[in-house]
PDB file of N, CA and C in Angstrom:
ATOM      1  N   MET A   1     -42.518 -67.938  -7.054  1.00  0.00           N
ATOM      2  CA  MET A   1     -41.361 -67.451  -6.787  1.00  0.00           C
ATOM      3  C   MET A   1     -40.025 -67.769  -7.778  1.00  0.00           C
ATOM      4  N   ARG A   2     -40.095 -69.002  -8.745  1.00  0.00           N
ATOM      5  CA  ARG A   2     -39.084 -69.568  -9.989  1.00  0.00           C
ATOM      6  C   ARG A   2     -39.174 -68.372 -10.694  1.00  0.00           C
ATOM      7  N   LYS A   3     -40.628 -67.783 -11.489  1.00  0.00           N
ATOM      8  CA  LYS A   3     -40.807 -67.004 -12.005  1.00  0.00           C
ATOM      9  C   LYS A   3     -39.832 -65.810 -11.955  1.00  0.00           C
ATOM     10  N   SER A   4     -40.263 -64.980 -10.819  1.00  0.00           N
ATOM     11  CA  SER A   4     -39.044 -64.264 -10.305  1.00  0.00           C
ATOM     12  C   SER A   4     -37.962 -64.396 -10.998  1.00  0.00           C
ATOM     13  N   PHE A   5     -37.512 -65.612 -10.277  1.00  0.00           N
ATOM     14  CA  PHE A   5     -35.790 -65.505 -10.300  1.00  0.00           C
ATOM     15  C   PHE A   5     -35.474 -65.947 -11.934  1.00  0.00           C
ATOM     16  N   LEU A   6     -35.999 -65.953 -12.604  1.00  0.00           N
ATOM     17  CA  LEU A   6     -35.618 -66.256 -13.754  1.00  0.00           C
ATOM     18  C   LEU A   6     -35.592 -64.954 -14.135  1.00  0.00           C
ATOM     19  N   TYR A   7     -36.652 -63.656 -14.212  1.00  0.00           N
ATOM     20  CA  TYR A   7     -36.391 -62.574 -14.312  1.00  0.00           C
ATOM     21  C   TYR A   7     -34.781 -61.637 -13.975  1.00  0.00           C
ATOM     22  N   ILE A   8     -34.957 -62.291 -12.513  1.00  0.00           N
ATOM     23  CA  ILE A   8     -33.588 -61.504 -11.828  1.00  0.00           C
ATOM     24  C   ILE A   8     -32.660 -61.810 -13.160  1.00  0.00           C
ATOM     25  N   LEU A   9     -32.316 -64.046 -13.086  1.00  0.00           N
ATOM     26  CA  LEU A   9     -31.179 -63.997 -13.940  1.00  0.00           C
ATOM     27  C   LEU A   9     -30.753 -63.333 -15.021  1.00  0.00           C
ATOM     28  N   CYS A  10     -32.359 -63.153 -15.830  1.00  0.00           N
ATOM     29  CA  CYS A  10     -32.329 -62.533 -17.354  1.00  0.00           C
ATOM     30  C   CYS A  10     -31.562 -61.105 -17.013  1.00  0.00           C
ATOM     31  N   PHE A  11     -32.445 -60.483 -15.896  1.00  0.00           N
ATOM     32  CA  PHE A  11     -31.757 -59.491 -15.851  1.00  0.00           C
ATOM     33  C   PHE A  11     -29.723 -59.061 -15.395  1.00  0.00           C
ATOM     34  N   VAL A  12     -29.453 -59.613 -14.682  1.00  0.00           N
ATOM     35  CA  VAL A  12     -28.134 -59.951 -14.394  1.00  0.00           C
ATOM     36  C   VAL A  12     -27.588 -59.998 -15.910  1.00  0.00           C
ATOM     37  N   ALA A  13     -27.506 -60.732 -16.462  1.00  0.00           N
ATOM     38  CA  ALA A  13     -27.187 -61.238 -18.240  1.00  0.00           C
ATOM     39  C   ALA A  13     -27.394 -60.474 -18.467  1.00  0.00           C
ATOM     40  N   VAL A  14     -28.255 -60.077 -18.797  1.00  0.00           N
ATOM     41  CA  VAL A  14     -28.104 -58.543 -19.703  1.00  0.00           C
ATOM     42  C   VAL A  14     -27.422 -57.544 -19.588  1.00  0.00           C
ATOM     43  N   CYS A  15     -27.362 -57.080 -17.989  1.00  0.00           N
ATOM     44  CA  CYS A  15     -26.474 -55.931 -17.477  1.00  0.00           C
ATOM     45  C   CYS A  15     -25.158 -56.802 -18.209  1.00  0.00           C
ATOM     46  N   GLN A  16     -24.754 -57.507 -18.009  1.00  0.00           N
ATOM     47  CA  GLN A  16     -23.286 -58.628 -17.971  1.00  0.00           C
ATOM     48  C   GLN A  16     -22.862 -58.080 -19.437  1.00  0.00           C
ATOM     49  N   LEU A  17     -23.782 -58.717 -20.301  1.00  0.00           N
ATOM     50  CA  LEU A  17     -23.657 -58.203 -21.390  1.00  0.00           C
ATOM     51  C   LEU A  17     -23.545 -56.838 -22.140  1.00  0.00           C
ATOM     52  N   ILE A  18     -24.201 -55.846 -21.585  1.00  0.00           N
ATOM     53  CA  ILE A  18     -24.360 -54.733 -22.047  1.00  0.00           C
ATOM     54  C   ILE A  18     -23.503 -53.492 -21.219  1.00  0.00           C
ATOM     55  N   GLY A  19     -22.494 -54.114 -20.188  1.00  0.00           N
ATOM     56  CA  GLY A  19     -21.719 -53.697 -19.532  1.00  0.00           C
ATOM     57  C   GLY A  19     -22.287 -52.612 -18.305  1.00  0.00           C
ATOM     58  N   CYS A  20     -22.567 -53.497 -17.619  1.00  0.00           N
ATOM     59  CA  CYS A  20     -23.307 -52.830 -16.644  1.00  0.00           C
ATOM     60  C   CYS A  20     -22.249 -52.847 -15.600  1.00  0.00           C
ATOM     61  N   GLY A  21     -21.446 -53.482 -15.381  1.00  0.00           N
ATOM     62  CA  GLY A  21     -20.769 -54.234 -13.998  1.00  0.00           C
ATOM     63  C   GLY A  21     -20.315 -52.981 -13.323  1.00  0.00           C
ATOM     64  N   SER A  22     -19.033 -53.600 -13.076  1.00  0.00           N
ATOM     65  CA  SER A  22     -18.984 -52.283 -11.694  1.00  0.00           C
ATOM     66  C   SER A  22     -17.327 -51.551 -12.464  1.00  0.00           C
ATOM     67  N   GLY A  23     -16.461 -52.212 -13.009  1.00  0.00           N
ATOM     68  CA  GLY A  23     -15.650 -51.490 -14.512  1.00  0.00           C
ATOM     69  C   GLY A  23     -14.390 -51.599 -13.718  1.00  0.00           C
ATOM     70  N   GLU A  24     -14.541 -52.722 -12.733  1.00  0.00           N
ATOM     71  CA  GLU A  24     -13.278 -52.950 -12.551  1.00  0.00           C
ATOM     72  C   GLU A  24     -11.776 -53.968 -13.981  1.00  0.00           C
ATOM     73  N   GLU A  25     -12.523 -54.383 -14.737  1.00  0.00           N
ATOM     74  CA  GLU A  25     -11.472 -54.376 -15.683  1.00  0.00           C
ATOM     75  C   GLU A  25     -11.046 -53.517 -16.336  1.00  0.00           C
ATOM     76  N   GLN A  26     -12.001 -51.918 -16.714  1.00  0.00           N
ATOM     77  CA  GLN A  26     -11.164 -51.191 -16.906  1.00  0.00           C
ATOM     78  C   GLN A  26     -10.503 -50.521 -16.053  1.00  0.00           C
ATOM     79  N   ARG A  27     -10.703 -50.556 -15.017  1.00  0.00           N
ATOM     80  CA  ARG A  27      -9.865 -49.572 -14.044  1.00  0.00           C
ATOM     81  C   ARG A  27      -8.656 -50.821 -13.704  1.00  0.00           C
ATOM     82  N   ARG A  28      -8.263 -52.050 -13.804  1.00  0.00           N
ATOM     83  CA  ARG A  28      -6.963 -53.069 -13.658  1.00  0.00           C
ATOM     84  C   ARG A  28      -6.305 -52.509 -15.425  1.00  0.00           C
ATOM     85  N   GLN A  29      -6.931 -52.174 -15.965  1.00  0.00           N
ATOM     86  CA  GLN A  29      -6.251 -51.986 -17.777  1.00  0.00           C
ATOM     87  C   GLN A  29      -6.070 -50.699 -17.219  1.00  0.00           C
ATOM     88  N   LEU A  30      -6.479 -49.329 -16.453  1.00  0.00           N
ATOM     89  CA  LEU A  30      -6.058 -47.947 -16.578  1.00  0.00           C
ATOM     90  C   LEU A  30      -4.731 -48.457 -15.901  1.00  0.00           C
ATOM     91  N   ALA A  31      -4.823 -49.076 -14.217  1.00  0.00           N
ATOM     92  CA  ALA A  31      -3.779 -49.632 -13.664  1.00  0.00           C
ATOM     93  C   ALA A  31      -2.318 -49.441 -14.631  1.00  0.00           C
ATOM     94  N   GLU A  32      -2.826 -51.097 -15.416  1.00  0.00           N
ATOM     95  CA  GLU A  32      -1.826 -51.273 -16.343  1.00  0.00           C
ATOM     96  C   GLU A  32      -0.726 -50.663 -17.588  1.00  0.00           C
ATOM     97  N   LEU A  33      -1.211 -49.138 -17.715  1.00  0.00           N
ATOM     98  CA  LEU A  33      -1.630 -48.387 -18.670  1.00  0.00           C
ATOM     99  C   LEU A  33      -0.434 -47.573 -18.005  1.00  0.00           C
ATOM    100  N   GLU A  34      -0.805 -46.812 -16.626  1.00  0.00           N
ATOM    101  CA  GLU A  34      -0.407 -46.475 -15.824  1.00  0.00           C
ATOM    102  C   GLU A  34       1.821 -46.774 -15.781  1.00  0.00           C
ATOM    103  N   GLU A  35       1.012 -48.328 -15.721  1.00  0.00           N
ATOM    104  CA  GLU A  35       2.454 -48.549 -14.864  1.00  0.00           C
ATOM    105  C   GLU A  35       3.742 -48.745 -16.032  1.00  0.00           C
ATOM    106  N   GLN A  36       2.903 -49.463 -17.129  1.00  0.00           N
ATOM    107  CA  GLN A  36       3.687 -48.860 -18.295  1.00  0.00           C
ATOM    108  C   GLN A  36       4.128 -47.571 -18.793  1.00  0.00           C
ATOM    109  N   ASN A  37       3.466 -46.614 -18.415  1.00  0.00           N
ATOM    110  CA  ASN A  37       3.819 -45.918 -18.801  1.00  0.00           C
ATOM    111  C   ASN A  37       5.017 -44.576 -17.559  1.00  0.00           C
ATOM    112  N   HIS A  38       4.804 -45.037 -16.360  1.00  0.00           N
ATOM    113  CA  HIS A  38       5.958 -44.671 -15.381  1.00  0.00           C
ATOM    114  C   HIS A  38       6.843 -45.764 -15.279  1.00  0.00           C
ATOM    115  N   SER A  39       7.287 -47.350 -16.004  1.00  0.00           N
ATOM    116  CA  SER A  39       8.457 -47.822 -16.349  1.00  0.00           C
ATOM    117  C   SER A  39       9.309 -47.460 -17.214  1.00  0.00           C
ATOM    118  N   GLY A  40       8.524 -46.593 -18.330  1.00  0.00           N
ATOM    119  CA  GLY A  40       9.669 -46.617 -19.658  1.00  0.00           C
ATOM    120  C   GLY A  40       8.711 -47.423 -20.735  1.00  0.00           C
ATOM    121  N   GLN A  41       8.514 -48.311 -20.689  1.00  0.00           N
ATOM    122  CA  GLN A  41       7.635 -49.212 -21.441  1.00  0.00           C
ATOM    123  C   GLN A  41       6.686 -48.459 -22.878  1.00  0.00           C
ATOM    124  N   PRO A  42       7.632 -49.153 -24.139  1.00  0.00           N
ATOM    125  CA  PRO A  42       7.229 -48.677 -25.006  1.00  0.00           C
ATOM    126  C   PRO A  42       5.443 -48.811 -25.383  1.00  0.00           C
ATOM    127  N   MET A  43       4.984 -47.513 -25.404  1.00  0.00           N
ATOM    128  CA  MET A  43       3.111 -48.254 -25.492  1.00  0.00           C
ATOM    129  C   MET A  43       2.670 -47.317 -26.816  1.00  0.00           C
ATOM    130  N   GLN A  44       3.084 -48.104 -28.053  1.00  0.00           N
ATOM    131  CA  GLN A  44       2.695 -47.463 -29.376  1.00  0.00           C
ATOM    132  C   GLN A  44       0.725 -47.656 -29.474  1.00  0.00           C
ATOM    133  N   ASN A  45      -0.039 -48.351 -29.233  1.00  0.00           N
ATOM    134  CA  ASN A  45      -0.905 -48.355 -29.546  1.00  0.00           C
ATOM    135  C   ASN A  45      -2.098 -48.013 -28.471  1.00  0.00           C
ATOM    136  N   ASP A  46      -2.709 -46.641 -29.161  1.00  0.00           N
ATOM    137  CA  ASP A  46      -3.005 -45.681 -28.469  1.00  0.00           C
ATOM    138  C   ASP A  46      -4.982 -45.701 -28.262  1.00  0.00           C
ATOM    139  N   SER A  47      -5.062 -47.383 -29.197  1.00  0.00           N
ATOM    140  CA  SER A  47      -6.783 -47.705 -28.981  1.00  0.00           C
ATOM    141  C   SER A  47      -7.269 -47.885 -27.498  1.00  0.00           C
ATOM    142  N   LEU A  48      -6.647 -48.780 -26.167  1.00  0.00           N
ATOM    143  CA  LEU A  48      -7.059 -49.040 -25.219  1.00  0.00           C
ATOM    144  C   LEU A  48      -7.025 -48.029 -24.699  1.00  0.00           C
ATOM    145  N   ALA A  49      -6.007 -47.146 -25.065  1.00  0.00           N
ATOM    146  CA  ALA A  49      -6.388 -46.205 -24.124  1.00  0.00           C
ATOM    147  C   ALA A  49      -7.685 -45.019 -24.883  1.00  0.00           C
ATOM    148  N   GLU A  50      -7.772 -45.052 -25.441  1.00  0.00           N
ATOM    149  CA  GLU A  50      -9.211 -44.178 -26.324  1.00  0.00           C
ATOM    150  C   GLU A  50     -10.290 -44.839 -25.676  1.00  0.00           C
ATOM    151  N   ALA A  51     -10.694 -46.515 -25.657  1.00  0.00           N
ATOM    152  CA  ALA A  51     -11.443 -46.597 -25.550  1.00  0.00           C
ATOM    153  C   ALA A  51     -11.590 -46.666 -23.665  1.00  0.00           C
ATOM    154  N   LEU A  52     -10.909 -46.549 -22.951  1.00  0.00           N
ATOM    155  CA  LEU A  52     -10.899 -46.403 -21.981  1.00  0.00           C
ATOM    156  C   LEU A  52     -10.984 -44.641 -21.839  1.00  0.00           C
ATOM    157  N   VAL A  53     -10.391 -43.667 -21.865  1.00  0.00           N
ATOM    158  CA  VAL A  53     -11.372 -42.869 -22.310  1.00  0.00           C
ATOM    159  C   VAL A  53     -12.856 -42.513 -22.394  1.00  0.00           C
ATOM    160  N   ALA A  54     -13.099 -43.319 -22.964  1.00  0.00           N
ATOM    161  CA  ALA A  54     -14.601 -43.524 -23.843  1.00  0.00           C
ATOM    162  C   ALA A  54     -15.663 -44.053 -22.519  1.00  0.00           C
ATOM    163  N   TYR A  55     -14.929 -44.936 -22.052  1.00  0.00           N
ATOM    164  CA  TYR A  55     -15.383 -45.799 -20.727  1.00  0.00           C
ATOM    165  C   TYR A  55     -15.595 -44.353 -19.840  1.00  0.00           C
ATOM    166  N   PHE A  56     -14.131 -44.312 -19.170  1.00  0.00           N
ATOM    167  CA  PHE A  56     -14.612 -43.233 -17.900  1.00  0.00           C
ATOM    168  C   PHE A  56     -15.143 -42.128 -17.862  1.00  0.00           C
ATOM    169  N   ASP A  57     -15.101 -41.557 -19.337  1.00  0.00           N
ATOM    170  CA  ASP A  57     -16.317 -40.319 -19.471  1.00  0.00           C
ATOM    171  C   ASP A  57     -17.785 -40.562 -18.984  1.00  0.00           C
ATOM    172  N   ARG A  58     -17.980 -41.582 -18.912  1.00  0.00           N
ATOM    173  CA  ARG A  58     -19.506 -41.756 -19.391  1.00  0.00           C
ATOM    174  C   ARG A  58     -19.232 -42.380 -17.165  1.00  0.00           C
ATOM    175  N   HIS A  59     -18.923 -43.372 -17.241  1.00  0.00           N
ATOM    176  CA  HIS A  59     -18.470 -44.539 -15.977  1.00  0.00           C
ATOM    177  C   HIS A  59     -18.110 -43.874 -14.877  1.00  0.00           C
ATOM    178  N   GLY A  60     -16.541 -43.604 -14.868  1.00  0.00           N
ATOM    179  CA  GLY A  60     -15.929 -42.684 -13.868  1.00  0.00           C
ATOM    180  C   GLY A  60     -15.912 -41.866 -13.316  1.00  0.00           C
ATOM    181  N   TYR A  61     -15.141 -41.805 -11.763  1.00  0.00           N
ATOM    182  CA  TYR A  61     -15.341 -40.583 -10.979  1.00  0.00           C
ATOM    183  C   TYR A  61     -13.931 -39.479 -11.930  1.00  0.00           C
ATOM    184  N   VAL A  62     -14.153 -38.262 -11.273  1.00  0.00           N
ATOM    185  CA  VAL A  62     -13.836 -36.865 -11.684  1.00  0.00           C
ATOM    186  C   VAL A  62     -11.731 -37.755 -11.302  1.00  0.00           C
ATOM    187  N   ASN A  63     -11.519 -38.636 -10.099  1.00  0.00           N
ATOM    188  CA  ASN A  63     -10.399 -38.852 -10.561  1.00  0.00           C
ATOM    189  C   ASN A  63      -9.639 -40.081 -11.061  1.00  0.00           C
ATOM    190  N   GLU A  64     -10.819 -40.361 -11.624  1.00  0.00           N
ATOM    191  CA  GLU A  64     -10.354 -41.805 -12.954  1.00  0.00           C
ATOM    192  C   GLU A  64     -10.053 -41.070 -13.675  1.00  0.00           C
ATOM    193  N   ARG A  65     -10.725 -40.159 -14.136  1.00  0.00           N
ATOM    194  CA  ARG A  65     -11.346 -39.585 -15.451  1.00  0.00           C
ATOM    195  C   ARG A  65      -9.538 -38.386 -16.073  1.00  0.00           C
ATOM    196  N   ASN A  66      -9.381 -37.811 -14.895  1.00  0.00           N
ATOM    197  CA  ASN A  66      -8.442 -37.206 -14.749  1.00  0.00           C
ATOM    198  C   ASN A  66      -6.653 -38.388 -14.856  1.00  0.00           C
ATOM    199  N   ARG A  67      -6.623 -39.187 -14.123  1.00  0.00           N
ATOM    200  CA  ARG A  67      -6.035 -40.288 -14.561  1.00  0.00           C
ATOM    201  C   ARG A  67      -5.372 -40.487 -16.197  1.00  0.00           C
ATOM    202  N   ASN A  68      -6.722 -41.226 -16.271  1.00  0.00           N
ATOM    203  CA  ASN A  68      -6.833 -41.807 -17.878  1.00  0.00           C
ATOM    204  C   ASN A  68      -7.017 -40.518 -18.555  1.00  0.00           C
ATOM    205  N   TYR A  69      -7.088 -39.439 -18.706  1.00  0.00           N
ATOM    206  CA  TYR A  69      -7.031 -38.419 -19.934  1.00  0.00           C
ATOM    207  C   TYR A  69      -5.504 -38.077 -19.956  1.00  0.00           C
ATOM    208  N   TYR A  70      -4.777 -38.068 -18.800  1.00  0.00           N
ATOM    209  CA  TYR A  70      -3.105 -37.645 -18.918  1.00  0.00           C
ATOM    210  C   TYR A  70      -2.771 -39.279 -19.112  1.00  0.00           C
ATOM    211  N   THR A  71      -2.744 -40.257 -18.746  1.00  0.00           N
ATOM    212  CA  THR A  71      -2.214 -41.630 -19.120  1.00  0.00           C
ATOM    213  C   THR A  71      -2.622 -41.151 -20.772  1.00  0.00           C
ATOM    214  N   ALA A  72      -3.684 -41.545 -21.339  1.00  0.00           N
ATOM    215  CA  ALA A  72      -4.133 -41.488 -23.236  1.00  0.00           C
ATOM    216  C   ALA A  72      -3.129 -40.265 -23.475  1.00  0.00           C
ATOM    217  N   ARG A  73      -3.171 -39.038 -23.118  1.00  0.00           N
ATOM    218  CA  ARG A  73      -2.388 -37.902 -23.872  1.00  0.00           C
ATOM    219  C   ARG A  73      -0.376 -38.429 -23.914  1.00  0.00           C
ATOM    220  N   GLN A  74      -0.324 -39.174 -22.462  1.00  0.00           N
ATOM    221  CA  GLN A  74       1.023 -40.004 -22.796  1.00  0.00           C
ATOM    222  C   GLN A  74       1.687 -41.098 -24.072  1.00  0.00           C
ATOM    223  N   VAL A  75       0.545 -41.782 -23.709  1.00  0.00           N
ATOM    224  CA  VAL A  75       0.128 -42.759 -24.813  1.00  0.00           C
ATOM    225  C   VAL A  75       0.362 -42.377 -25.988  1.00  0.00           C
ATOM    226  N   ARG A  76      -0.586 -40.748 -26.203  1.00  0.00           N
ATOM    227  CA  ARG A  76      -0.570 -40.455 -27.556  1.00  0.00           C
ATOM    228  C   ARG A  76       0.726 -39.307 -27.808  1.00  0.00           C
ATOM    229  N   LEU A  77       1.099 -39.126 -27.241  1.00  0.00           N
ATOM    230  CA  LEU A  77       3.060 -38.050 -27.444  1.00  0.00           C
ATOM    231  C   LEU A  77       3.487 -39.332 -27.617  1.00  0.00           C
ATOM    232  N   ILE A  78       3.998 -40.423 -26.790  1.00  0.00           N
ATOM    233  CA  ILE A  78       5.056 -41.802 -27.507  1.00  0.00           C
ATOM    234  C   ILE A  78       4.508 -42.084 -28.348  1.00  0.00           C
ATOM    235  N   ALA A  79       3.088 -41.878 -29.103  1.00  0.00           N
ATOM    236  CA  ALA A  79       2.943 -42.888 -30.313  1.00  0.00           C
ATOM    237  C   ALA A  79       3.266 -41.880 -30.851  1.00  0.00           C
ATOM    238  N   GLU A  80       3.541 -39.821 -31.257  1.00  0.00           N
ATOM    239  CA  GLU A  80       4.017 -39.323 -31.755  1.00  0.00           C
ATOM    240  C   GLU A  80       4.858 -39.613 -32.367  1.00  0.00           C
ATOM    241  N   TYR A  81       5.818 -39.309 -31.553  1.00  0.00           N
ATOM    242  CA  TYR A  81       7.995 -39.494 -31.184  1.00  0.00           C
ATOM    243  C   TYR A  81       7.934 -40.765 -32.115  1.00  0.00           C
ATOM    244  N   LEU A  82       7.011 -41.553 -31.650  1.00  0.00           N
ATOM    245  CA  LEU A  82       7.667 -42.661 -32.656  1.00  0.00           C
ATOM    246  C   LEU A  82       7.617 -42.586 -33.924  1.00  0.00           C
ATOM    247  N   CYS A  83       6.680 -42.121 -34.503  1.00  0.00           N
ATOM    248  CA  CYS A  83       6.458 -42.373 -35.874  1.00  0.00           C
ATOM    249  C   CYS A  83       6.871 -40.997 -36.616  1.00  0.00           C
ATOM    250  N   ILE A  84       7.431 -40.042 -35.768  1.00  0.00           N
ATOM    251  CA  ILE A  84       8.182 -39.168 -36.500  1.00  0.00           C
ATOM    252  C   ILE A  84       9.746 -39.697 -36.731  1.00  0.00           C
ATOM    253  N   ASP A  85       9.853 -40.117 -36.074  1.00  0.00           N
ATOM    254  CA  ASP A  85      11.600 -40.528 -36.268  1.00  0.00           C
ATOM    255  C   ASP A  85      11.769 -42.046 -37.099  1.00  0.00           C
TER     256      ASP A  85
END
């Protein structure tokens, strides 16, 4: 019994380290980016958007992927516009 508990505990720890979580943090970050986009706040750094695209390509539902592609595109357009001026 004790050995089984130890194996389960190790499995959960490994899953947390490699990102087997539910994706709540990524969904929260996507919601924050969308809120910045809708409020008109400047979004000059697209590294978070690109990381979210990579995550949702592997783990997201179709709706999440589409929301993320749109938001990432908006971030890129704003970053390009700010670099031109």
